[in-house]
Amino acid sequence: MNYFFCYIMTVLIIAAASQAHAAIKVLSVNGTAAYKDDKSWVPLRNGMILKDGTKVSTSVKSTAEIQIDDNIVTVQPLTMMKIQGSKSTADSSSTSIGLKRGSLRANVNREKRIKTVFKVSTPIATSSVRGTEKIVSHGPMRGTRIIMISGNSEGENKHGGKRSVSGKQVFQQHGNRPGPENVLAAVQSNSLGSIFSKNLTENEQANIQNNGSDLINSDNNALNIVNSVTGGSGTNKTNVKITVGWP
């Protein structure tokens, strides 16, 4: 009986150790920042060890850099976030952060032998990444925004609408809209304009903006569209200056 009891306890201890909490350490604090793990807010200092469930808040012109396992999170000014959970094993790492307001920059370690799950959740969307660097922000006016620095990510709103983002693509979810915006909206907003066939309705133009177009084997191909705008016939040369921005 005692032998069986000792065996069970040993198995439980090994299982608990294999799912140990990841190390959470404050690397630096610039300006004024505070943390809360119980009932009151306490000034955040360099070198502090934090635990799961800790809330972190930064003031004006203040930042905090926190290491969670092998991942680095830079908390930007006027931000409130919560380290919801962090677990680490020999071959896996899982981190979940809740972003109430403000923005943070996450540099997620790229280690092939370790399965890494790193999620940042806001009141209206969630970002999931593996081995990447990104900026996630949230506010009542602009909603949730995921800007990719390197690698790739997936954004998902609370209705299940998903977008994969990489390069110059941006995930943007407004609180009053059922789905996220086109991931190339940020690139398109910097362009001078869009060229459409005169025969397209407003709904068809919006569909092209969101999903792209396949005009190669149709009468509305790119050359015909340019000809219709410039007055060319397809045989006369027309000089057109075009700047293309693409991830």
Protein backbone atom coordinates (compact mmCIF):
# COMPACT_ATOMS: atom_id res chain seq x y z
CA MET A 1 0.00 0.00 0.00
CA ASN A 2 2.78 2.43 0.95
CA TYR A 3 4.71 1.47 -2.17
CA PHE A 4 1.68 2.18 -4.39
CA PHE A 5 1.10 5.53 -2.66
CA CYS A 6 4.72 6.56 -3.16
CA TYR A 7 4.53 5.55 -6.81
CA ILE A 8 1.42 7.69 -7.40
CA MET A 9 3.02 10.69 -5.65
CA THR A 10 6.15 10.32 -7.76
CA VAL A 11 4.12 10.30 -10.98
CA LEU A 12 2.20 13.40 -9.88
CA ILE A 13 5.39 15.26 -9.00
CA ILE A 14 6.96 14.42 -12.35
CA ALA A 15 3.82 15.51 -14.19
CA ALA A 16 3.73 18.81 -12.30
CA ALA A 17 7.39 19.45 -12.99
CA SER A 18 6.93 18.75 -16.70
CA GLN A 19 4.32 21.53 -16.84
CA ALA A 20 6.26 24.10 -14.82
CA HIS A 21 5.44 27.77 -15.06
CA ALA A 22 7.73 29.64 -17.40
CA ALA A 23 10.15 32.15 -15.89
CA ILE A 24 8.81 35.72 -15.99
CA LYS A 25 11.41 38.40 -15.35
CA VAL A 26 11.40 42.20 -15.66
CA LEU A 27 14.40 43.14 -17.79
CA SER A 28 14.02 46.91 -17.73
CA VAL A 29 11.67 49.74 -16.78
CA ASN A 30 11.87 53.19 -18.34
CA GLY A 31 9.70 55.81 -16.66
CA THR A 32 6.87 54.75 -14.37
CA ALA A 33 5.28 51.30 -14.39
CA ALA A 34 3.43 49.19 -11.83
CA TYR A 35 2.25 45.61 -11.35
CA LYS A 36 -0.57 43.98 -9.43
CA ASP A 37 -0.77 40.32 -8.45
CA ASP A 38 -3.01 40.58 -5.39
CA LYS A 39 -5.03 43.61 -4.31
CA SER A 40 -2.79 46.66 -4.71
CA TRP A 41 -0.54 48.18 -7.36
CA VAL A 42 3.20 48.15 -6.65
CA PRO A 43 5.99 49.95 -8.55
CA LEU A 44 7.62 47.72 -11.15
CA ARG A 45 11.41 47.42 -10.84
CA ASN A 46 14.23 45.94 -12.88
CA GLY A 47 15.00 42.32 -12.06
CA MET A 48 11.64 41.49 -10.48
CA ILE A 49 10.24 37.97 -10.89
CA LEU A 50 6.53 37.95 -11.72
CA LYS A 51 3.97 35.16 -11.65
CA ASP A 52 0.97 34.10 -13.69
CA GLY A 53 -2.02 36.39 -13.27
CA THR A 54 0.09 39.51 -12.80
CA LYS A 55 -1.20 42.75 -14.30
CA VAL A 56 1.25 45.33 -15.65
CA SER A 57 0.48 48.99 -16.31
CA THR A 58 2.67 51.72 -17.79
CA SER A 59 2.36 55.50 -17.51
CA VAL A 60 2.95 58.30 -20.03
CA LYS A 61 6.29 58.02 -21.86
CA SER A 62 7.03 54.81 -19.96
CA THR A 63 7.89 51.30 -21.14
CA ALA A 64 8.67 47.94 -19.54
CA GLU A 65 10.54 45.02 -21.04
CA ILE A 66 9.54 41.61 -19.71
CA GLN A 67 11.02 38.22 -20.52
CA ILE A 68 8.55 35.32 -20.52
CA ASP A 69 10.45 32.08 -21.02
CA ASP A 70 12.60 32.90 -24.11
CA ASN A 71 10.17 35.52 -25.44
CA ILE A 72 10.53 39.28 -24.98
CA VAL A 73 7.50 41.55 -24.49
CA THR A 74 7.92 45.33 -24.58
CA VAL A 75 4.98 47.06 -22.91
CA GLN A 76 4.40 50.44 -24.56
CA PRO A 77 3.23 53.67 -22.82
CA LEU A 78 -0.30 53.89 -21.40
CA THR A 79 -0.82 50.15 -21.61
CA MET A 80 -2.51 47.69 -19.27
CA MET A 81 -1.95 43.97 -19.79
CA LYS A 82 -2.21 40.73 -17.85
CA ILE A 83 0.03 37.67 -18.01
CA GLN A 84 -2.79 35.14 -18.06
CA GLY A 85 -0.68 32.00 -18.26
CA SER A 86 2.80 30.75 -19.08
CA LYS A 87 3.98 27.14 -19.09
CA SER A 88 7.18 25.60 -20.31
CA THR A 89 8.48 22.05 -20.86
CA ALA A 90 11.54 20.59 -22.54
CA ASP A 91 9.81 20.63 -25.94
CA SER A 92 7.00 23.18 -25.62
CA SER A 93 6.27 26.74 -24.51
CA SER A 94 2.84 28.29 -24.05
CA THR A 95 2.11 31.93 -23.20
CA SER A 96 -1.17 33.83 -23.03
CA ILE A 97 -1.41 37.61 -22.54
CA GLY A 98 -4.53 39.71 -22.12
CA LEU A 99 -4.29 43.25 -23.52
CA LYS A 100 -6.93 45.54 -22.06
CA ARG A 101 -5.68 48.75 -23.66
CA GLY A 102 -2.56 50.24 -25.24
CA SER A 103 0.04 48.29 -27.20
CA LEU A 104 2.87 45.83 -26.80
CA ARG A 105 5.66 44.52 -28.98
CA ALA A 106 6.27 40.77 -28.82
CA ASN A 107 9.45 39.09 -30.01
CA VAL A 108 8.66 35.36 -30.01
CA ASN A 109 11.67 33.06 -30.01
CA ARG A 110 12.06 30.88 -33.10
CA GLU A 111 13.25 27.47 -31.91
CA LYS A 112 12.46 24.55 -34.24
CA ARG A 113 12.70 21.84 -31.59
CA ILE A 114 10.25 23.63 -29.28
CA LYS A 115 6.55 23.94 -30.06
CA THR A 116 5.75 27.54 -29.18
CA VAL A 117 2.25 28.95 -28.64
CA PHE A 118 2.09 32.68 -27.99
CA LYS A 119 -1.30 34.38 -27.83
CA VAL A 120 -2.30 37.99 -27.22
CA SER A 121 -6.02 38.51 -26.59
CA THR A 122 -7.97 41.77 -26.55
CA PRO A 123 -11.67 42.26 -25.79
CA ILE A 124 -12.50 41.72 -29.49
CA ALA A 125 -9.72 39.63 -31.09
CA THR A 126 -6.86 37.17 -30.53
CA SER A 127 -3.44 36.96 -32.17
CA SER A 128 -1.61 33.62 -32.37
CA VAL A 129 2.02 33.36 -33.50
CA ARG A 130 4.99 31.04 -33.64
CA GLY A 131 8.47 32.47 -34.08
CA THR A 132 7.79 36.07 -35.09
CA GLU A 133 7.88 39.71 -34.06
CA LYS A 134 4.78 41.87 -34.02
CA ILE A 135 3.06 44.86 -32.44
CA VAL A 136 -0.42 44.39 -30.98
CA SER A 137 -2.53 47.36 -29.93
CA HIS A 138 -6.09 47.87 -28.72
CA GLY A 139 -8.25 50.88 -27.94
CA PRO A 140 -11.93 51.89 -27.98
CA MET A 141 -11.62 53.99 -31.14
CA ARG A 142 -9.29 51.95 -33.40
CA GLY A 143 -10.15 48.49 -32.11
CA THR A 144 -7.50 45.76 -32.29
CA ARG A 145 -4.55 46.11 -34.64
CA ILE A 146 -1.77 43.56 -35.35
CA ILE A 147 1.25 44.89 -37.23
CA MET A 148 3.80 42.34 -38.41
CA ILE A 149 7.52 43.10 -38.05
CA SER A 150 8.74 39.67 -39.15
CA GLY A 151 7.36 36.17 -39.52
CA ASN A 152 3.63 35.50 -39.65
CA SER A 153 0.60 35.54 -37.40
CA GLU A 154 -3.09 34.77 -37.38
CA GLY A 155 -5.72 37.16 -36.07
CA GLU A 156 -9.17 35.98 -35.07
CA ASN A 157 -12.11 38.06 -33.88
CA LYS A 158 -14.71 36.95 -31.33
CA HIS A 159 -17.05 35.81 -34.13
CA GLY A 160 -14.47 33.38 -35.53
CA GLY A 161 -13.39 35.57 -38.45
CA LYS A 162 -9.70 34.86 -39.20
CA ARG A 163 -6.94 36.52 -41.20
CA SER A 164 -3.36 35.32 -41.70
CA VAL A 165 -0.94 38.24 -41.81
CA SER A 166 2.72 38.61 -42.79
CA GLY A 167 5.04 41.17 -44.37
CA LYS A 168 3.34 44.57 -44.63
CA GLN A 169 -0.09 43.10 -43.96
CA VAL A 170 -2.08 44.36 -40.98
CA PHE A 171 -4.91 42.72 -39.04
CA GLN A 172 -7.49 45.37 -38.10
CA GLN A 173 -10.68 44.60 -36.19
CA HIS A 174 -13.09 47.35 -35.15
CA GLY A 175 -15.43 46.61 -32.27
CA ASN A 176 -18.57 47.58 -34.18
CA ARG A 177 -17.87 45.47 -37.28
CA PRO A 178 -18.57 41.74 -37.75
CA GLY A 179 -15.29 40.98 -39.54
CA PRO A 180 -11.71 42.24 -39.81
CA GLU A 181 -10.60 44.60 -42.58
CA ASN A 182 -8.68 43.61 -45.68
CA VAL A 183 -5.11 42.79 -44.57
CA LEU A 184 -3.73 45.08 -47.31
CA ALA A 185 -5.85 48.06 -46.30
CA ALA A 186 -2.82 49.81 -44.80
CA VAL A 187 -0.90 49.44 -48.08
CA GLN A 188 -3.88 50.48 -50.19
CA SER A 189 -4.47 53.60 -48.11
CA ASN A 190 -1.02 54.87 -49.14
CA SER A 191 -1.78 54.51 -52.86
CA LEU A 192 -3.02 57.36 -55.06
CA GLY A 193 -6.01 55.42 -56.30
CA SER A 194 -7.41 52.17 -57.68
CA ILE A 195 -8.20 51.34 -61.30
CA PHE A 196 -11.53 49.61 -61.95
CA SER A 197 -13.54 48.83 -65.04
CA LYS A 198 -16.36 51.31 -65.68
CA ASN A 199 -18.78 48.38 -65.74
CA LEU A 200 -18.15 47.33 -62.12
CA THR A 201 -20.73 48.11 -59.47
CA GLU A 202 -19.74 49.47 -56.06
CA ASN A 203 -20.26 46.02 -54.51
CA GLU A 204 -18.05 44.40 -57.14
CA GLN A 205 -15.33 46.99 -56.54
CA ALA A 206 -15.51 46.35 -52.79
CA ASN A 207 -15.22 42.60 -53.43
CA ILE A 208 -12.06 43.15 -55.50
CA GLN A 209 -10.60 45.31 -52.72
CA ASN A 210 -11.19 42.53 -50.20
CA ASN A 211 -10.41 39.44 -52.25
CA GLY A 212 -8.29 40.56 -55.18
CA SER A 213 -9.24 39.92 -58.81
CA ASP A 214 -8.61 37.46 -61.61
CA LEU A 215 -8.83 39.50 -64.80
CA ILE A 216 -6.35 37.70 -67.02
CA ASN A 217 -8.85 35.72 -69.11
CA SER A 218 -11.61 38.32 -69.28
CA ASP A 219 -12.37 41.40 -71.35
CA ASN A 220 -11.69 43.51 -68.25
CA ASN A 221 -7.99 42.70 -68.19
CA ALA A 222 -5.37 45.11 -66.94
CA LEU A 223 -4.51 46.48 -70.41
CA ASN A 224 -8.14 47.21 -71.28
CA ILE A 225 -8.65 48.95 -67.96
CA VAL A 226 -5.63 51.20 -68.55
CA ASN A 227 -6.81 51.88 -72.12
CA SER A 228 -10.26 52.87 -70.89
CA VAL A 229 -8.76 55.33 -68.42
CA THR A 230 -6.12 56.81 -70.74
CA GLY A 231 -8.10 56.66 -73.98
CA GLY A 232 -5.63 54.28 -75.63
CA SER A 233 -6.59 51.63 -78.17
CA GLY A 234 -4.16 48.88 -77.24
CA THR A 235 -1.93 49.60 -80.24
CA ASN A 236 -0.81 53.13 -79.40
CA LYS A 237 1.83 53.55 -76.74
CA THR A 238 0.77 55.32 -73.57
CA ASN A 239 3.22 56.21 -70.83
CA VAL A 240 1.83 55.48 -67.39
CA LYS A 241 3.83 55.86 -64.15
CA ILE A 242 2.81 53.24 -61.59
CA THR A 243 4.19 52.65 -58.11
CA VAL A 244 3.44 49.17 -56.77
CA GLY A 245 3.57 48.43 -53.07
CA TRP A 246 3.36 44.75 -52.08
CA PRO A 247 4.45 42.71 -49.06
